Amino acid sequence: MRVIIGYTVESIGYVVGAQGFVSFVSQALFGTEWGWMHKVVDLPSTAYLGVVAVGLALVVVGVKMRKAPQSREVA
């Protein structure tokens, strides 16, 4: 179960991080709105860097959760 949850958290992290990056780049460099995140929240362009950080944190947590050793009981 821990492996499945790890993959899920990691996948969500990739999506959130990518959308935050796309939103930041589109606002900062082109002055337009790309992706779907601007439809959910309206943030200034620098706040999307925080969304990227949250996405990266979710990826790290997901990978660590997947790789965590399973506790074994000694008979």
C-alpha atoms as a PDB file:
ATOM      1  CA  MET A   1       0.000   0.000   0.000  1.00  0.00           C
ATOM      2  CA  ARG A   2       2.869   2.372   0.801  1.00  0.00           C
ATOM      3  CA  VAL A   3       4.244   1.916  -2.723  1.00  0.00           C
ATOM      4  CA  ILE A   4       0.899   2.777  -4.318  1.00  0.00           C
ATOM      5  CA  ILE A   5       0.511   5.899  -2.168  1.00  0.00           C
ATOM      6  CA  GLY A   6       4.109   6.880  -2.961  1.00  0.00           C
ATOM      7  CA  TYR A   7       3.489   6.675  -6.691  1.00  0.00           C
ATOM      8  CA  THR A   8       0.267   8.663  -6.314  1.00  0.00           C
ATOM      9  CA  VAL A   9       1.874  11.466  -4.298  1.00  0.00           C
ATOM     10  CA  GLU A  10       4.800  11.561  -6.724  1.00  0.00           C
ATOM     11  CA  SER A  11       2.486  11.758  -9.746  1.00  0.00           C
ATOM     12  CA  ILE A  12       0.479  14.586  -8.200  1.00  0.00           C
ATOM     13  CA  GLY A  13       3.751  16.384  -7.468  1.00  0.00           C
ATOM     14  CA  TYR A  14       4.831  16.164 -11.096  1.00  0.00           C
ATOM     15  CA  VAL A  15       1.535  17.608 -12.316  1.00  0.00           C
ATOM     16  CA  VAL A  16       1.440  20.419  -9.732  1.00  0.00           C
ATOM     17  CA  GLY A  17       5.093  21.314 -10.333  1.00  0.00           C
ATOM     18  CA  ALA A  18       4.721  21.328 -14.108  1.00  0.00           C
ATOM     19  CA  GLN A  19       1.587  23.470 -13.984  1.00  0.00           C
ATOM     20  CA  GLY A  20       3.270  25.914 -11.604  1.00  0.00           C
ATOM     21  CA  PHE A  21       6.284  26.159 -13.898  1.00  0.00           C
ATOM     22  CA  VAL A  22       4.155  26.650 -17.011  1.00  0.00           C
ATOM     23  CA  SER A  23       2.060  29.296 -15.261  1.00  0.00           C
ATOM     24  CA  PHE A  24       5.145  31.162 -14.042  1.00  0.00           C
ATOM     25  CA  VAL A  25       6.846  31.135 -17.439  1.00  0.00           C
ATOM     26  CA  SER A  26       3.715  32.178 -19.287  1.00  0.00           C
ATOM     27  CA  GLN A  27       3.038  35.137 -16.976  1.00  0.00           C
ATOM     28  CA  ALA A  28       6.627  36.260 -16.487  1.00  0.00           C
ATOM     29  CA  LEU A  29       7.857  35.965 -20.071  1.00  0.00           C
ATOM     30  CA  PHE A  30       4.796  36.208 -22.292  1.00  0.00           C
ATOM     31  CA  GLY A  31       2.140  37.997 -20.212  1.00  0.00           C
ATOM     32  CA  THR A  32      -0.476  35.343 -21.018  1.00  0.00           C
ATOM     33  CA  GLU A  33      -2.142  32.466 -19.172  1.00  0.00           C
ATOM     34  CA  TRP A  34      -1.171  28.907 -20.070  1.00  0.00           C
ATOM     35  CA  GLY A  35      -2.157  25.641 -18.452  1.00  0.00           C
ATOM     36  CA  TRP A  36      -5.152  25.104 -16.205  1.00  0.00           C
ATOM     37  CA  MET A  37      -3.889  26.417 -12.878  1.00  0.00           C
ATOM     38  CA  HIS A  38      -4.982  30.000 -13.596  1.00  0.00           C
ATOM     39  CA  LYS A  39      -8.526  28.674 -13.879  1.00  0.00           C
ATOM     40  CA  VAL A  40      -8.334  27.340 -10.318  1.00  0.00           C
ATOM     41  CA  VAL A  41      -6.435  30.174  -8.593  1.00  0.00           C
ATOM     42  CA  ASP A  42      -5.332  33.629  -9.674  1.00  0.00           C
ATOM     43  CA  LEU A  43      -1.844  34.202  -8.283  1.00  0.00           C
ATOM     44  CA  PRO A  44       0.941  36.643  -9.096  1.00  0.00           C
ATOM     45  CA  SER A  45       3.697  35.177 -11.235  1.00  0.00           C
ATOM     46  CA  THR A  46       6.188  34.831  -8.372  1.00  0.00           C
ATOM     47  CA  ALA A  47       3.684  32.849  -6.287  1.00  0.00           C
ATOM     48  CA  TYR A  48       3.734  30.157  -8.962  1.00  0.00           C
ATOM     49  CA  LEU A  49       7.343  29.489  -7.995  1.00  0.00           C
ATOM     50  CA  GLY A  50       5.975  28.443  -4.610  1.00  0.00           C
ATOM     51  CA  VAL A  51       3.621  26.075  -6.418  1.00  0.00           C
ATOM     52  CA  VAL A  52       6.660  24.599  -8.191  1.00  0.00           C
ATOM     53  CA  ALA A  53       8.341  24.126  -4.795  1.00  0.00           C
ATOM     54  CA  VAL A  54       5.241  22.369  -3.440  1.00  0.00           C
ATOM     55  CA  GLY A  55       5.263  20.081  -6.483  1.00  0.00           C
ATOM     56  CA  LEU A  56       8.925  19.224  -5.957  1.00  0.00           C
ATOM     57  CA  ALA A  57       8.285  18.555  -2.272  1.00  0.00           C
ATOM     58  CA  LEU A  58       5.477  16.153  -3.180  1.00  0.00           C
ATOM     59  CA  VAL A  59       7.774  14.336  -5.598  1.00  0.00           C
ATOM     60  CA  VAL A  60      10.451  13.955  -2.917  1.00  0.00           C
ATOM     61  CA  VAL A  61       7.935  12.721  -0.337  1.00  0.00           C
ATOM     62  CA  GLY A  62       6.484  10.247  -2.832  1.00  0.00           C
ATOM     63  CA  VAL A  63       9.894   8.824  -3.736  1.00  0.00           C
ATOM     64  CA  LYS A  64      10.903   8.492  -0.083  1.00  0.00           C
ATOM     65  CA  MET A  65       7.591   6.862   0.742  1.00  0.00           C
ATOM     66  CA  ARG A  66       8.094   4.318  -2.029  1.00  0.00           C
ATOM     67  CA  LYS A  67      11.641   3.499  -0.997  1.00  0.00           C
ATOM     68  CA  ALA A  68      10.949   3.269   2.729  1.00  0.00           C
ATOM     69  CA  PRO A  69      11.918  -0.170   4.020  1.00  0.00           C
ATOM     70  CA  GLN A  70       9.104  -2.451   4.992  1.00  0.00           C
ATOM     71  CA  SER A  71       9.167  -3.442   8.641  1.00  0.00           C
ATOM     72  CA  ARG A  72       9.534  -7.187   9.059  1.00  0.00           C
ATOM     73  CA  GLU A  73       8.632  -9.104  12.155  1.00  0.00           C
ATOM     74  CA  VAL A  74      11.132 -11.687  13.356  1.00  0.00           C
ATOM     75  CA  ALA A  75       9.499 -15.014  14.110  1.00  0.00           C
END
